[in-house]
Amino acid sequence: MIKQLFLAGAAVAMLSSTALAAEYYIVQDKTTKKCRVVDARPTETTWVQVGPLAFKTRDEADKQIAVVCKEKR
């Protein structure tokens, strides 16, 4: 019984640590020059990462999008 509780606790800790380690990126479309915040590093060639490497929270990224992204309207 104790072993099962320990394993369940370890599984919960492991799953919650990945959620806490989330990173957010500001990316810009190369053709339209529109920016957005994403939760994964861009791998497509149509999007380019702008600004610092990563933000710890989405709120930080949302606040910085106006600073680091110069959209052409």
PDB file of N, CA and C in Angstrom:
ATOM      1  N   MET A   1       0.826  -1.198   0.000  1.00  0.00           N
ATOM      2  CA  MET A   1       0.000   0.000   0.000  1.00  0.00           C
ATOM      3  C   MET A   1       0.870   1.261   0.000  1.00  0.00           C
ATOM      4  N   ILE A   2       1.882   1.296   0.819  1.00  0.00           N
ATOM      5  CA  ILE A   2       2.756   2.466   0.886  1.00  0.00           C
ATOM      6  C   ILE A   2       3.498   2.644  -0.436  1.00  0.00           C
ATOM      7  N   LYS A   3       3.898   1.520  -1.023  1.00  0.00           N
ATOM      8  CA  LYS A   3       4.604   1.589  -2.303  1.00  0.00           C
ATOM      9  C   LYS A   3       3.709   2.196  -3.382  1.00  0.00           C
ATOM     10  N   GLN A   4       2.439   1.823  -3.406  1.00  0.00           N
ATOM     11  CA  GLN A   4       1.503   2.362  -4.383  1.00  0.00           C
ATOM     12  C   GLN A   4       1.285   3.858  -4.175  1.00  0.00           C
ATOM     13  N   LEU A   5       1.178   4.287  -2.932  1.00  0.00           N
ATOM     14  CA  LEU A   5       1.014   5.715  -2.642  1.00  0.00           C
ATOM     15  C   LEU A   5       2.255   6.495  -3.064  1.00  0.00           C
ATOM     16  N   PHE A   6       3.419   5.926  -2.821  1.00  0.00           N
ATOM     17  CA  PHE A   6       4.665   6.584  -3.218  1.00  0.00           C
ATOM     18  C   PHE A   6       4.740   6.728  -4.740  1.00  0.00           C
ATOM     19  N   LEU A   7       4.403   5.663  -5.456  1.00  0.00           N
ATOM     20  CA  LEU A   7       4.425   5.707  -6.916  1.00  0.00           C
ATOM     21  C   LEU A   7       3.397   6.700  -7.461  1.00  0.00           C
ATOM     22  N   ALA A   8       2.222   6.754  -6.859  1.00  0.00           N
ATOM     23  CA  ALA A   8       1.203   7.704  -7.294  1.00  0.00           C
ATOM     24  C   ALA A   8       1.671   9.139  -7.037  1.00  0.00           C
ATOM     25  N   GLY A   9       2.274   9.368  -5.884  1.00  0.00           N
ATOM     26  CA  GLY A   9       2.799  10.698  -5.570  1.00  0.00           C
ATOM     27  C   GLY A   9       3.907  11.107  -6.516  1.00  0.00           C
ATOM     28  N   ALA A  10       4.785  10.165  -6.866  1.00  0.00           N
ATOM     29  CA  ALA A  10       5.871  10.447  -7.797  1.00  0.00           C
ATOM     30  C   ALA A  10       5.313  10.781  -9.183  1.00  0.00           C
ATOM     31  N   ALA A  11       4.279  10.085  -9.598  1.00  0.00           N
ATOM     32  CA  ALA A  11       3.669  10.352 -10.903  1.00  0.00           C
ATOM     33  C   ALA A  11       3.031  11.739 -10.934  1.00  0.00           C
ATOM     34  N   VAL A  12       2.353  12.106  -9.874  1.00  0.00           N
ATOM     35  CA  VAL A  12       1.730  13.431  -9.799  1.00  0.00           C
ATOM     36  C   VAL A  12       2.802  14.516  -9.805  1.00  0.00           C
ATOM     37  N   ALA A  13       3.865  14.312  -9.064  1.00  0.00           N
ATOM     38  CA  ALA A  13       4.953  15.295  -9.021  1.00  0.00           C
ATOM     39  C   ALA A  13       5.603  15.448 -10.388  1.00  0.00           C
ATOM     40  N   MET A  14       5.787  14.347 -11.083  1.00  0.00           N
ATOM     41  CA  MET A  14       6.414  14.391 -12.394  1.00  0.00           C
ATOM     42  C   MET A  14       5.531  15.136 -13.394  1.00  0.00           C
ATOM     43  N   LEU A  15       4.242  14.895 -13.363  1.00  0.00           N
ATOM     44  CA  LEU A  15       3.321  15.563 -14.282  1.00  0.00           C
ATOM     45  C   LEU A  15       3.191  17.050 -13.963  1.00  0.00           C
ATOM     46  N   SER A  16       3.186  17.403 -12.707  1.00  0.00           N
ATOM     47  CA  SER A  16       3.045  18.812 -12.354  1.00  0.00           C
ATOM     48  C   SER A  16       4.324  19.589 -12.637  1.00  0.00           C
ATOM     49  N   SER A  17       5.479  18.938 -12.583  1.00  0.00           N
ATOM     50  CA  SER A  17       6.725  19.645 -12.860  1.00  0.00           C
ATOM     51  C   SER A  17       6.831  20.030 -14.333  1.00  0.00           C
ATOM     52  N   THR A  18       6.276  19.227 -15.220  1.00  0.00           N
ATOM     53  CA  THR A  18       6.299  19.599 -16.634  1.00  0.00           C
ATOM     54  C   THR A  18       5.362  20.760 -16.906  1.00  0.00           C
ATOM     55  N   ALA A  19       4.265  20.831 -16.185  1.00  0.00           N
ATOM     56  CA  ALA A  19       3.341  21.951 -16.357  1.00  0.00           C
ATOM     57  C   ALA A  19       3.955  23.238 -15.818  1.00  0.00           C
ATOM     58  N   LEU A  20       4.715  23.143 -14.741  1.00  0.00           N
ATOM     59  CA  LEU A  20       5.348  24.318 -14.172  1.00  0.00           C
ATOM     60  C   LEU A  20       6.511  24.805 -15.023  1.00  0.00           C
ATOM     61  N   ALA A  21       7.078  23.934 -15.820  1.00  0.00           N
ATOM     62  CA  ALA A  21       8.235  24.295 -16.634  1.00  0.00           C
ATOM     63  C   ALA A  21       7.827  24.818 -18.011  1.00  0.00           C
ATOM     64  N   ALA A  22       6.584  25.197 -18.166  1.00  0.00           N
ATOM     65  CA  ALA A  22       6.108  25.696 -19.453  1.00  0.00           C
ATOM     66  C   ALA A  22       6.830  26.981 -19.827  1.00  0.00           C
ATOM     67  N   GLU A  23       7.102  27.134 -21.096  1.00  0.00           N
ATOM     68  CA  GLU A  23       7.742  28.337 -21.603  1.00  0.00           C
ATOM     69  C   GLU A  23       6.909  28.872 -22.750  1.00  0.00           C
ATOM     70  N   TYR A  24       6.934  30.190 -22.908  1.00  0.00           N
ATOM     71  CA  TYR A  24       6.166  30.844 -23.952  1.00  0.00           C
ATOM     72  C   TYR A  24       7.101  31.653 -24.836  1.00  0.00           C
ATOM     73  N   TYR A  25       6.803  31.678 -26.115  1.00  0.00           N
ATOM     74  CA  TYR A  25       7.641  32.340 -27.110  1.00  0.00           C
ATOM     75  C   TYR A  25       6.806  33.319 -27.914  1.00  0.00           C
ATOM     76  N   ILE A  26       7.430  34.405 -28.343  1.00  0.00           N
ATOM     77  CA  ILE A  26       6.780  35.349 -29.255  1.00  0.00           C
ATOM     78  C   ILE A  26       7.299  35.019 -30.650  1.00  0.00           C
ATOM     79  N   VAL A  27       6.371  34.738 -31.552  1.00  0.00           N
ATOM     80  CA  VAL A  27       6.745  34.399 -32.922  1.00  0.00           C
ATOM     81  C   VAL A  27       6.073  35.362 -33.885  1.00  0.00           C
ATOM     82  N   GLN A  28       6.693  35.522 -35.052  1.00  0.00           N
ATOM     83  CA  GLN A  28       6.165  36.424 -36.074  1.00  0.00           C
ATOM     84  C   GLN A  28       6.092  35.689 -37.399  1.00  0.00           C
ATOM     85  N   ASP A  29       4.957  35.820 -38.078  1.00  0.00           N
ATOM     86  CA  ASP A  29       4.784  35.241 -39.405  1.00  0.00           C
ATOM     87  C   ASP A  29       5.665  36.021 -40.372  1.00  0.00           C
ATOM     88  N   LYS A  30       6.450  35.325 -41.168  1.00  0.00           N
ATOM     89  CA  LYS A  30       7.386  35.988 -42.079  1.00  0.00           C
ATOM     90  C   LYS A  30       6.684  36.793 -43.177  1.00  0.00           C
ATOM     91  N   THR A  31       5.524  36.345 -43.627  1.00  0.00           N
ATOM     92  CA  THR A  31       4.864  37.028 -44.737  1.00  0.00           C
ATOM     93  C   THR A  31       3.936  38.142 -44.273  1.00  0.00           C
ATOM     94  N   THR A  32       3.121  37.888 -43.255  1.00  0.00           N
ATOM     95  CA  THR A  32       2.149  38.889 -42.804  1.00  0.00           C
ATOM     96  C   THR A  32       2.700  39.810 -41.729  1.00  0.00           C
ATOM     97  N   LYS A  33       3.814  39.420 -41.109  1.00  0.00           N
ATOM     98  CA  LYS A  33       4.448  40.188 -40.024  1.00  0.00           C
ATOM     99  C   LYS A  33       3.584  40.280 -38.773  1.00  0.00           C
ATOM    100  N   LYS A  34       2.593  39.416 -38.624  1.00  0.00           N
ATOM    101  CA  LYS A  34       1.754  39.392 -37.428  1.00  0.00           C
ATOM    102  C   LYS A  34       2.422  38.533 -36.367  1.00  0.00           C
ATOM    103  N   CYS A  35       2.309  38.983 -35.120  1.00  0.00           N
ATOM    104  CA  CYS A  35       2.938  38.278 -34.002  1.00  0.00           C
ATOM    105  C   CYS A  35       1.891  37.583 -33.142  1.00  0.00           C
ATOM    106  N   ARG A  36       2.353  36.555 -32.440  1.00  0.00           N
ATOM    107  CA  ARG A  36       1.502  35.871 -31.472  1.00  0.00           C
ATOM    108  C   ARG A  36       2.373  35.158 -30.460  1.00  0.00           C
ATOM    109  N   VAL A  37       1.758  34.763 -29.358  1.00  0.00           N
ATOM    110  CA  VAL A  37       2.448  34.032 -28.293  1.00  0.00           C
ATOM    111  C   VAL A  37       2.095  32.560 -28.439  1.00  0.00           C
ATOM    112  N   VAL A  38       3.113  31.709 -28.394  1.00  0.00           N
ATOM    113  CA  VAL A  38       2.910  30.261 -28.495  1.00  0.00           C
ATOM    114  C   VAL A  38       3.609  29.587 -27.328  1.00  0.00           C
ATOM    115  N   ASP A  39       3.206  28.347 -27.040  1.00  0.00           N
ATOM    116  CA  ASP A  39       3.808  27.632 -25.919  1.00  0.00           C
ATOM    117  C   ASP A  39       4.843  26.599 -26.346  1.00  0.00           C
ATOM    118  N   ALA A  40       5.247  26.636 -27.595  1.00  0.00           N
ATOM    119  CA  ALA A  40       6.285  25.728 -28.089  1.00  0.00           C
ATOM    120  C   ALA A  40       7.229  26.498 -29.006  1.00  0.00           C
ATOM    121  N   ARG A  41       8.488  26.155 -28.961  1.00  0.00           N
ATOM    122  CA  ARG A  41       9.467  26.824 -29.829  1.00  0.00           C
ATOM    123  C   ARG A  41       9.074  26.584 -31.283  1.00  0.00           C
ATOM    124  N   PRO A  42       9.102  27.620 -32.116  1.00  0.00           N
ATOM    125  CA  PRO A  42       8.670  27.456 -33.507  1.00  0.00           C
ATOM    126  C   PRO A  42       9.600  26.523 -34.288  1.00  0.00           C
ATOM    127  N   THR A  43       8.987  25.591 -35.013  1.00  0.00           N
ATOM    128  CA  THR A  43       9.764  24.673 -35.843  1.00  0.00           C
ATOM    129  C   THR A  43       9.445  24.867 -37.319  1.00  0.00           C
ATOM    130  N   GLU A  44       8.339  25.547 -37.591  1.00  0.00           N
ATOM    131  CA  GLU A  44       7.970  25.814 -38.983  1.00  0.00           C
ATOM    132  C   GLU A  44       8.853  26.915 -39.544  1.00  0.00           C
ATOM    133  N   THR A  45       9.054  26.898 -40.828  1.00  0.00           N
ATOM    134  CA  THR A  45       9.892  27.921 -41.454  1.00  0.00           C
ATOM    135  C   THR A  45       9.114  29.197 -41.741  1.00  0.00           C
ATOM    136  N   THR A  46       7.783  29.171 -41.599  1.00  0.00           N
ATOM    137  CA  THR A  46       6.984  30.362 -41.857  1.00  0.00           C
ATOM    138  C   THR A  46       6.937  31.292 -40.649  1.00  0.00           C
ATOM    139  N   TRP A  47       7.323  30.804 -39.482  1.00  0.00           N
ATOM    140  CA  TRP A  47       7.331  31.587 -38.251  1.00  0.00           C
ATOM    141  C   TRP A  47       8.759  31.775 -37.784  1.00  0.00           C
ATOM    142  N   VAL A  48       9.057  32.963 -37.259  1.00  0.00           N
ATOM    143  CA  VAL A  48      10.379  33.239 -36.713  1.00  0.00           C
ATOM    144  C   VAL A  48      10.194  33.749 -35.278  1.00  0.00           C
ATOM    145  N   GLN A  49      11.059  33.288 -34.396  1.00  0.00           N
ATOM    146  CA  GLN A  49      10.995  33.716 -33.004  1.00  0.00           C
ATOM    147  C   GLN A  49      11.594  35.108 -32.869  1.00  0.00           C
ATOM    148  N   VAL A  50      10.914  35.983 -32.127  1.00  0.00           N
ATOM    149  CA  VAL A  50      11.420  37.334 -31.877  1.00  0.00           C
ATOM    150  C   VAL A  50      11.506  37.548 -30.368  1.00  0.00           C
ATOM    151  N   GLY A  51      12.363  38.437 -29.963  1.00  0.00           N
ATOM    152  CA  GLY A  51      12.496  38.731 -28.542  1.00  0.00           C
ATOM    153  C   GLY A  51      13.400  37.754 -27.827  1.00  0.00           C
ATOM    154  N   PRO A  52      13.334  37.775 -26.496  1.00  0.00           N
ATOM    155  CA  PRO A  52      14.164  36.864 -25.691  1.00  0.00           C
ATOM    156  C   PRO A  52      13.845  35.396 -26.007  1.00  0.00           C
ATOM    157  N   LEU A  53      14.688  34.520 -25.547  1.00  0.00           N
ATOM    158  CA  LEU A  53      14.492  33.102 -25.844  1.00  0.00           C
ATOM    159  C   LEU A  53      13.134  32.591 -25.394  1.00  0.00           C
ATOM    160  N   ALA A  54      12.768  32.819 -24.126  1.00  0.00           N
ATOM    161  CA  ALA A  54      11.496  32.297 -23.628  1.00  0.00           C
ATOM    162  C   ALA A  54      11.025  33.117 -22.438  1.00  0.00           C
ATOM    163  N   PHE A  55       9.729  33.062 -22.208  1.00  0.00           N
ATOM    164  CA  PHE A  55       9.119  33.703 -21.052  1.00  0.00           C
ATOM    165  C   PHE A  55       8.558  32.611 -20.151  1.00  0.00           C
ATOM    166  N   LYS A  56       8.610  32.839 -18.853  1.00  0.00           N
ATOM    167  CA  LYS A  56       8.127  31.837 -17.895  1.00  0.00           C
ATOM    168  C   LYS A  56       6.609  31.774 -17.842  1.00  0.00           C
ATOM    169  N   THR A  57       5.936  32.907 -18.053  1.00  0.00           N
ATOM    170  CA  THR A  57       4.471  32.920 -18.017  1.00  0.00           C
ATOM    171  C   THR A  57       3.928  33.538 -19.300  1.00  0.00           C
ATOM    172  N   ARG A  58       2.714  33.176 -19.617  1.00  0.00           N
ATOM    173  CA  ARG A  58       2.069  33.737 -20.806  1.00  0.00           C
ATOM    174  C   ARG A  58       1.812  35.234 -20.617  1.00  0.00           C
ATOM    175  N   ASP A  59       1.534  35.636 -19.383  1.00  0.00           N
ATOM    176  CA  ASP A  59       1.286  37.044 -19.098  1.00  0.00           C
ATOM    177  C   ASP A  59       2.526  37.893 -19.404  1.00  0.00           C
ATOM    178  N   GLU A  60       3.704  37.398 -19.043  1.00  0.00           N
ATOM    179  CA  GLU A  60       4.958  38.104 -19.372  1.00  0.00           C
ATOM    180  C   GLU A  60       5.103  38.265 -20.882  1.00  0.00           C
ATOM    181  N   ALA A  61       4.845  37.191 -21.604  1.00  0.00           N
ATOM    182  CA  ALA A  61       4.973  37.225 -23.068  1.00  0.00           C
ATOM    183  C   ALA A  61       3.965  38.185 -23.682  1.00  0.00           C
ATOM    184  N   ASP A  62       2.736  38.171 -23.160  1.00  0.00           N
ATOM    185  CA  ASP A  62       1.713  39.082 -23.680  1.00  0.00           C
ATOM    186  C   ASP A  62       2.102  40.544 -23.453  1.00  0.00           C
ATOM    187  N   LYS A  63       2.721  40.833 -22.315  1.00  0.00           N
ATOM    188  CA  LYS A  63       3.139  42.208 -22.029  1.00  0.00           C
ATOM    189  C   LYS A  63       4.294  42.638 -22.932  1.00  0.00           C
ATOM    190  N   GLN A  64       5.191  41.710 -23.276  1.00  0.00           N
ATOM    191  CA  GLN A  64       6.367  42.045 -24.063  1.00  0.00           C
ATOM    192  C   GLN A  64       6.134  42.020 -25.567  1.00  0.00           C
ATOM    193  N   ILE A  65       5.015  41.495 -26.011  1.00  0.00           N
ATOM    194  CA  ILE A  65       4.779  41.378 -27.445  1.00  0.00           C
ATOM    195  C   ILE A  65       4.763  42.759 -28.115  1.00  0.00           C
ATOM    196  N   ALA A  66       4.242  43.771 -27.435  1.00  0.00           N
ATOM    197  CA  ALA A  66       4.214  45.121 -28.013  1.00  0.00           C
ATOM    198  C   ALA A  66       5.604  45.740 -28.064  1.00  0.00           C
ATOM    199  N   VAL A  67       6.497  45.292 -27.197  1.00  0.00           N
ATOM    200  CA  VAL A  67       7.848  45.848 -27.138  1.00  0.00           C
ATOM    201  C   VAL A  67       8.757  45.222 -28.187  1.00  0.00           C
ATOM    202  N   VAL A  68       8.717  43.903 -28.291  1.00  0.00           N
ATOM    203  CA  VAL A  68       9.678  43.213 -29.159  1.00  0.00           C
ATOM    204  C   VAL A  68       9.176  42.973 -30.577  1.00  0.00           C
ATOM    205  N   CYS A  69       7.890  43.110 -30.787  1.00  0.00           N
ATOM    206  CA  CYS A  69       7.337  42.801 -32.109  1.00  0.00           C
ATOM    207  C   CYS A  69       6.927  44.076 -32.815  1.00  0.00           C
ATOM    208  N   LYS A  70       7.514  44.313 -33.932  1.00  0.00           N
ATOM    209  CA  LYS A  70       7.189  45.493 -34.747  1.00  0.00           C
ATOM    210  C   LYS A  70       6.382  45.035 -35.957  1.00  0.00           C
ATOM    211  N   GLU A  71       5.074  44.993 -35.799  1.00  0.00           N
ATOM    212  CA  GLU A  71       4.205  44.538 -36.884  1.00  0.00           C
ATOM    213  C   GLU A  71       4.055  45.628 -37.927  1.00  0.00           C
ATOM    214  N   LYS A  72       4.067  45.225 -39.167  1.00  0.00           N
ATOM    215  CA  LYS A  72       3.790  46.148 -40.264  1.00  0.00           C
ATOM    216  C   LYS A  72       2.299  46.075 -40.554  1.00  0.00           C
ATOM    217  N   ARG A  73       1.634  47.178 -40.415  1.00  0.00           N
ATOM    218  CA  ARG A  73       0.166  47.176 -40.601  1.00  0.00           C
ATOM    219  C   ARG A  73      -0.192  47.709 -41.956  1.00  0.00           C
TER     220      ARG A  73
END
